[in-house]
Protein backbone atom coordinates (compact mmCIF):
# COMPACT_ATOMS: atom_id res chain seq x y z
CA MET A 1 -23.62 -3.01 -6.12
CA ASP A 2 -26.51 -0.99 -7.58
CA SER A 3 -26.06 2.39 -9.29
CA SER A 4 -27.25 4.48 -6.32
CA SER A 5 -24.82 2.70 -3.98
CA ARG A 6 -21.97 3.26 -6.43
CA VAL A 7 -22.76 6.97 -6.80
CA PHE A 8 -22.91 7.42 -3.04
CA MET A 9 -19.65 5.61 -2.37
CA LEU A 10 -17.77 7.41 -5.13
CA SER A 11 -19.10 10.78 -3.95
CA ALA A 12 -18.11 10.06 -0.35
CA ILE A 13 -14.61 8.96 -1.35
CA LEU A 14 -14.14 12.01 -3.59
CA MET A 15 -15.24 14.40 -0.83
CA LEU A 16 -12.82 12.76 1.62
CA LEU A 17 -9.89 12.95 -0.80
CA VAL A 18 -10.58 16.56 -1.71
CA SER A 19 -11.00 17.66 1.91
CA GLN A 20 -7.72 15.97 2.86
CA SER A 21 -5.85 17.52 -0.05
CA MET A 22 -7.15 21.00 0.76
CA ALA A 23 -6.50 20.75 4.51
CA THR A 24 -2.96 22.13 4.18
CA VAL A 25 -3.87 24.92 1.74
CA ALA A 26 -4.21 28.34 3.35
CA PRO A 27 -7.58 29.98 2.61
CA SER A 28 -7.71 33.17 0.57
CA GLU A 29 -8.27 36.48 2.31
CA LEU A 30 -11.84 36.59 0.94
CA VAL A 31 -12.66 33.11 2.28
CA GLU A 32 -11.15 33.99 5.67
CA ASP A 33 -13.23 37.15 5.80
CA VAL A 34 -16.44 35.45 4.70
CA CYS A 35 -16.14 32.51 7.08
CA THR A 36 -15.17 34.73 10.01
CA GLU A 37 -18.20 36.96 9.43
CA ILE A 38 -20.57 34.01 9.02
CA GLU A 39 -19.43 32.48 12.31
CA LYS A 40 -19.84 35.84 14.10
CA LEU A 41 -23.34 36.32 12.72
CA MET A 42 -24.43 32.81 13.62
CA MET A 43 -23.10 33.16 17.17
CA ALA A 44 -24.70 36.59 17.60
CA TYR A 45 -28.16 35.85 16.23
CA GLY A 46 -28.61 32.24 17.22
CA GLU A 47 -29.20 29.04 15.36
CA ARG A 48 -31.80 30.22 12.87
CA SER A 49 -31.28 27.12 10.78
CA GLY A 50 -30.57 24.79 13.67
CA TYR A 51 -26.90 25.04 12.81
CA VAL A 52 -24.08 27.46 13.62
CA ALA A 53 -21.49 27.59 10.85
CA LYS A 54 -18.04 27.15 12.36
CA TYR A 55 -15.08 28.93 10.76
CA ASP A 56 -13.07 25.78 10.02
CA GLU A 57 -16.08 23.95 8.58
CA CYS A 58 -16.89 26.91 6.36
CA VAL A 59 -13.31 27.17 5.06
CA ASN A 60 -12.96 23.44 4.45
CA ALA A 61 -16.32 23.29 2.68
CA LEU A 62 -15.51 26.13 0.27
CA GLN A 63 -12.02 24.80 -0.39
CA MET A 64 -13.50 21.60 -1.79
CA ASP A 65 -13.58 23.52 -5.08
CA PRO A 66 -10.08 24.47 -6.29
CA ARG A 67 -11.45 27.67 -7.86
CA THR A 68 -11.97 29.03 -4.36
CA ALA A 69 -8.30 29.98 -4.01
CA THR A 70 -8.59 32.76 -6.61
CA ALA A 71 -12.34 33.42 -6.53
CA ASN A 72 -13.91 36.87 -6.26
CA ILE A 73 -17.21 37.34 -4.44
CA THR A 74 -19.28 36.52 -7.54
CA THR A 75 -17.44 33.29 -8.26
CA LEU A 76 -17.44 32.31 -4.59
CA ALA A 77 -21.23 32.64 -4.46
CA GLU A 78 -21.48 30.38 -7.51
CA ILE A 79 -19.09 27.86 -5.98
CA SER A 80 -21.08 27.75 -2.76
CA VAL A 81 -24.36 27.03 -4.53
CA GLN A 82 -22.73 24.49 -6.87
CA LEU A 83 -21.26 22.65 -3.87
CA ALA A 84 -24.69 22.74 -2.24
CA ILE A 85 -26.19 21.12 -5.35
CA SER A 86 -23.53 18.40 -5.31
CA GLY A 87 -24.19 17.78 -1.63
CA ALA A 88 -27.94 17.53 -2.15
CA LYS A 89 -27.50 15.05 -5.00
CA ASN A 90 -25.15 13.04 -2.83
CA ALA A 91 -27.85 12.98 -0.14
CA GLU A 92 -30.34 11.69 -2.71
CA ALA A 93 -27.95 8.88 -3.63
CA LEU A 94 -27.44 8.05 0.05
CA ILE A 95 -31.18 7.85 0.71
CA GLU A 96 -31.76 5.69 -2.36
CA HIS A 97 -29.03 3.38 -1.09
CA LEU A 98 -30.63 3.27 2.37
CA LEU A 99 -34.04 2.52 0.89
CA GLY A 100 -32.58 -0.58 -0.68
CA ASN A 101 -31.26 -1.79 2.66
CA THR A 102 -33.81 -0.79 5.27
CA THR A 103 -36.63 -2.13 7.39
CA PRO A 104 -40.29 -1.52 6.46
CA ALA A 105 -40.63 0.84 9.45
CA SER A 106 -37.89 3.11 8.12
CA ARG A 107 -39.09 3.13 4.53
CA LYS A 108 -41.72 5.87 4.83
CA PRO A 109 -39.51 8.49 6.57
CA LEU A 110 -36.72 7.77 4.10
CA GLN A 111 -39.10 8.18 1.17
CA ASN A 112 -40.19 11.53 2.62
CA CYS A 113 -36.55 12.55 3.04
CA LEU A 114 -35.85 11.56 -0.55
CA SER A 115 -38.74 13.74 -1.69
CA SER A 116 -37.36 16.60 0.39
CA TYR A 117 -33.91 16.27 -1.13
CA VAL A 118 -35.24 16.13 -4.68
CA ASN A 119 -36.89 19.48 -3.91
CA ILE A 120 -33.78 20.77 -2.14
CA THR A 121 -31.72 20.07 -5.24
CA GLY A 122 -34.31 21.98 -7.28
CA HIS A 123 -34.16 24.97 -4.92
CA PHE A 124 -30.38 25.16 -5.14
CA GLU A 125 -30.43 24.76 -8.92
CA ASN A 126 -32.98 27.59 -9.20
CA ALA A 127 -30.78 29.70 -6.93
CA LEU A 128 -27.80 29.08 -9.19
CA SER A 129 -29.83 30.20 -12.21
CA GLY A 130 -30.97 33.23 -10.23
CA LEU A 131 -27.39 34.40 -9.80
CA ASN A 132 -27.52 35.30 -13.47
CA ALA A 133 -30.97 36.87 -13.34
CA GLY A 134 -31.82 38.22 -9.91
CA LEU A 135 -30.13 37.81 -6.55
CA GLN A 136 -33.32 38.23 -4.53
CA SER A 137 -34.86 35.17 -6.17
CA SER A 138 -31.70 33.19 -5.36
CA ASN A 139 -31.95 34.01 -1.66
CA PHE A 140 -35.66 33.16 -1.71
CA ASP A 141 -34.94 29.74 -3.20
CA ILE A 142 -32.17 29.01 -0.72
CA ALA A 143 -34.28 30.08 2.27
CA GLY A 144 -36.86 27.47 1.28
CA VAL A 145 -34.32 24.70 1.75
CA LEU A 146 -34.42 24.92 5.55
CA ASP A 147 -38.09 23.93 5.73
CA LEU A 148 -37.40 20.90 3.55
CA VAL A 149 -34.52 19.80 5.80
CA LYS A 150 -36.78 20.17 8.83
CA ILE A 151 -39.45 18.02 7.18
CA CYS A 152 -36.91 15.26 6.67
CA GLU A 153 -35.69 15.51 10.26
CA LEU A 154 -39.21 15.57 11.70
CA GLU A 155 -40.12 12.45 9.74
CA LEU A 156 -37.06 10.66 11.06
CA THR A 157 -37.73 11.77 14.64
CA LYS A 158 -41.43 10.88 14.48
CA ASN A 159 -40.60 7.38 13.34
CA GLN A 160 -37.63 7.06 15.71
CA THR A 161 -35.31 6.50 12.78
CA HIS A 162 -31.72 7.40 13.60
CA ILE A 163 -29.30 7.43 10.66
CA LEU A 164 -26.01 9.20 11.35
CA GLN A 165 -25.09 9.51 7.67
CA LEU A 166 -28.34 11.32 6.91
CA THR A 167 -27.98 13.52 9.98
CA ASN A 168 -24.56 14.55 8.65
CA ARG A 169 -26.08 15.28 5.22
CA ASN A 170 -28.69 17.54 6.83
CA HIS A 171 -25.92 19.30 8.74
CA TYR A 172 -23.96 19.80 5.51
CA THR A 173 -27.05 21.18 3.74
CA ARG A 174 -27.73 23.68 6.53
CA MET A 175 -24.13 24.82 6.38
CA PHE A 176 -24.38 25.64 2.69
CA VAL A 177 -27.67 27.46 3.22
CA GLU A 178 -25.90 29.78 5.66
CA ILE A 179 -22.81 30.23 3.48
CA SER A 180 -24.76 30.77 0.26
CA GLU A 181 -27.23 33.22 1.78
CA PHE A 182 -24.41 35.26 3.27
CA LEU A 183 -22.47 35.39 0.00
CA ILE A 184 -25.50 36.26 -2.12
CA THR A 185 -26.58 38.99 0.31
CA ARG A 186 -23.06 40.41 0.36
CA LEU A 187 -22.93 40.30 -3.43
CA GLU A 188 -26.30 42.02 -3.65
CA LEU A 189 -25.13 44.81 -1.32
CA TYR A 190 -21.96 45.20 -3.39
CA HIS A 191 -24.00 45.63 -6.55
CA ILE A 192 -26.35 48.14 -4.91
CA ALA A 193 -23.41 50.16 -3.60
CA ASN A 194 -21.79 50.21 -7.03
CA GLY A 195 -24.93 50.67 -9.10
CA PHE A 196 -24.67 47.29 -10.82
CA THR A 197 -27.60 45.17 -11.94
CA GLN A 198 -25.71 42.22 -13.44
CA THR A 199 -24.19 39.68 -11.12
CA ARG A 200 -21.42 38.87 -13.57
CA THR A 201 -19.67 42.14 -12.75
CA GLN A 202 -16.33 41.56 -11.01
CA GLY A 203 -16.73 41.69 -7.25
């Protein structure tokens, strides 16, 4: 088993174990509020990203990090972006694994998807850095992720390449775009209302 296959399998197993262990843990009031509001907004304004974040999916996703149980709004925004980074890196590992076990016809769209996910990881990492420097730049970086996901999907569609695992990865990435944008916007509004300029202030 090559290194990319090992990383993908270990990541998938870890995500499954964590999601199962958190399934019986009640979400915090903040997580309940955030995920309820996200679902309402997505249902009201349509599928901007091609995805409507469901309440249960939102809760389960955030609860993958044990810090979520006691997180304030600042920490929850960080957790969301950090989980998005982990998910994007997992997608990279998946695509590298697929490239080692694919037909010549599928190689080009997968290479384009890999390029997209390398850039997606970079966008999320820049957004995480922006939480310490400027929230507007963080939202700008996260917004750019959607175009990169669409590029990957268009390449797969154009070449009639159907890979359920990668479709699920794209779904997961969209979900964290919606969650992260909502949290960062809410955090920004909190800081404006309270006259804060540093995102490390307790929210």
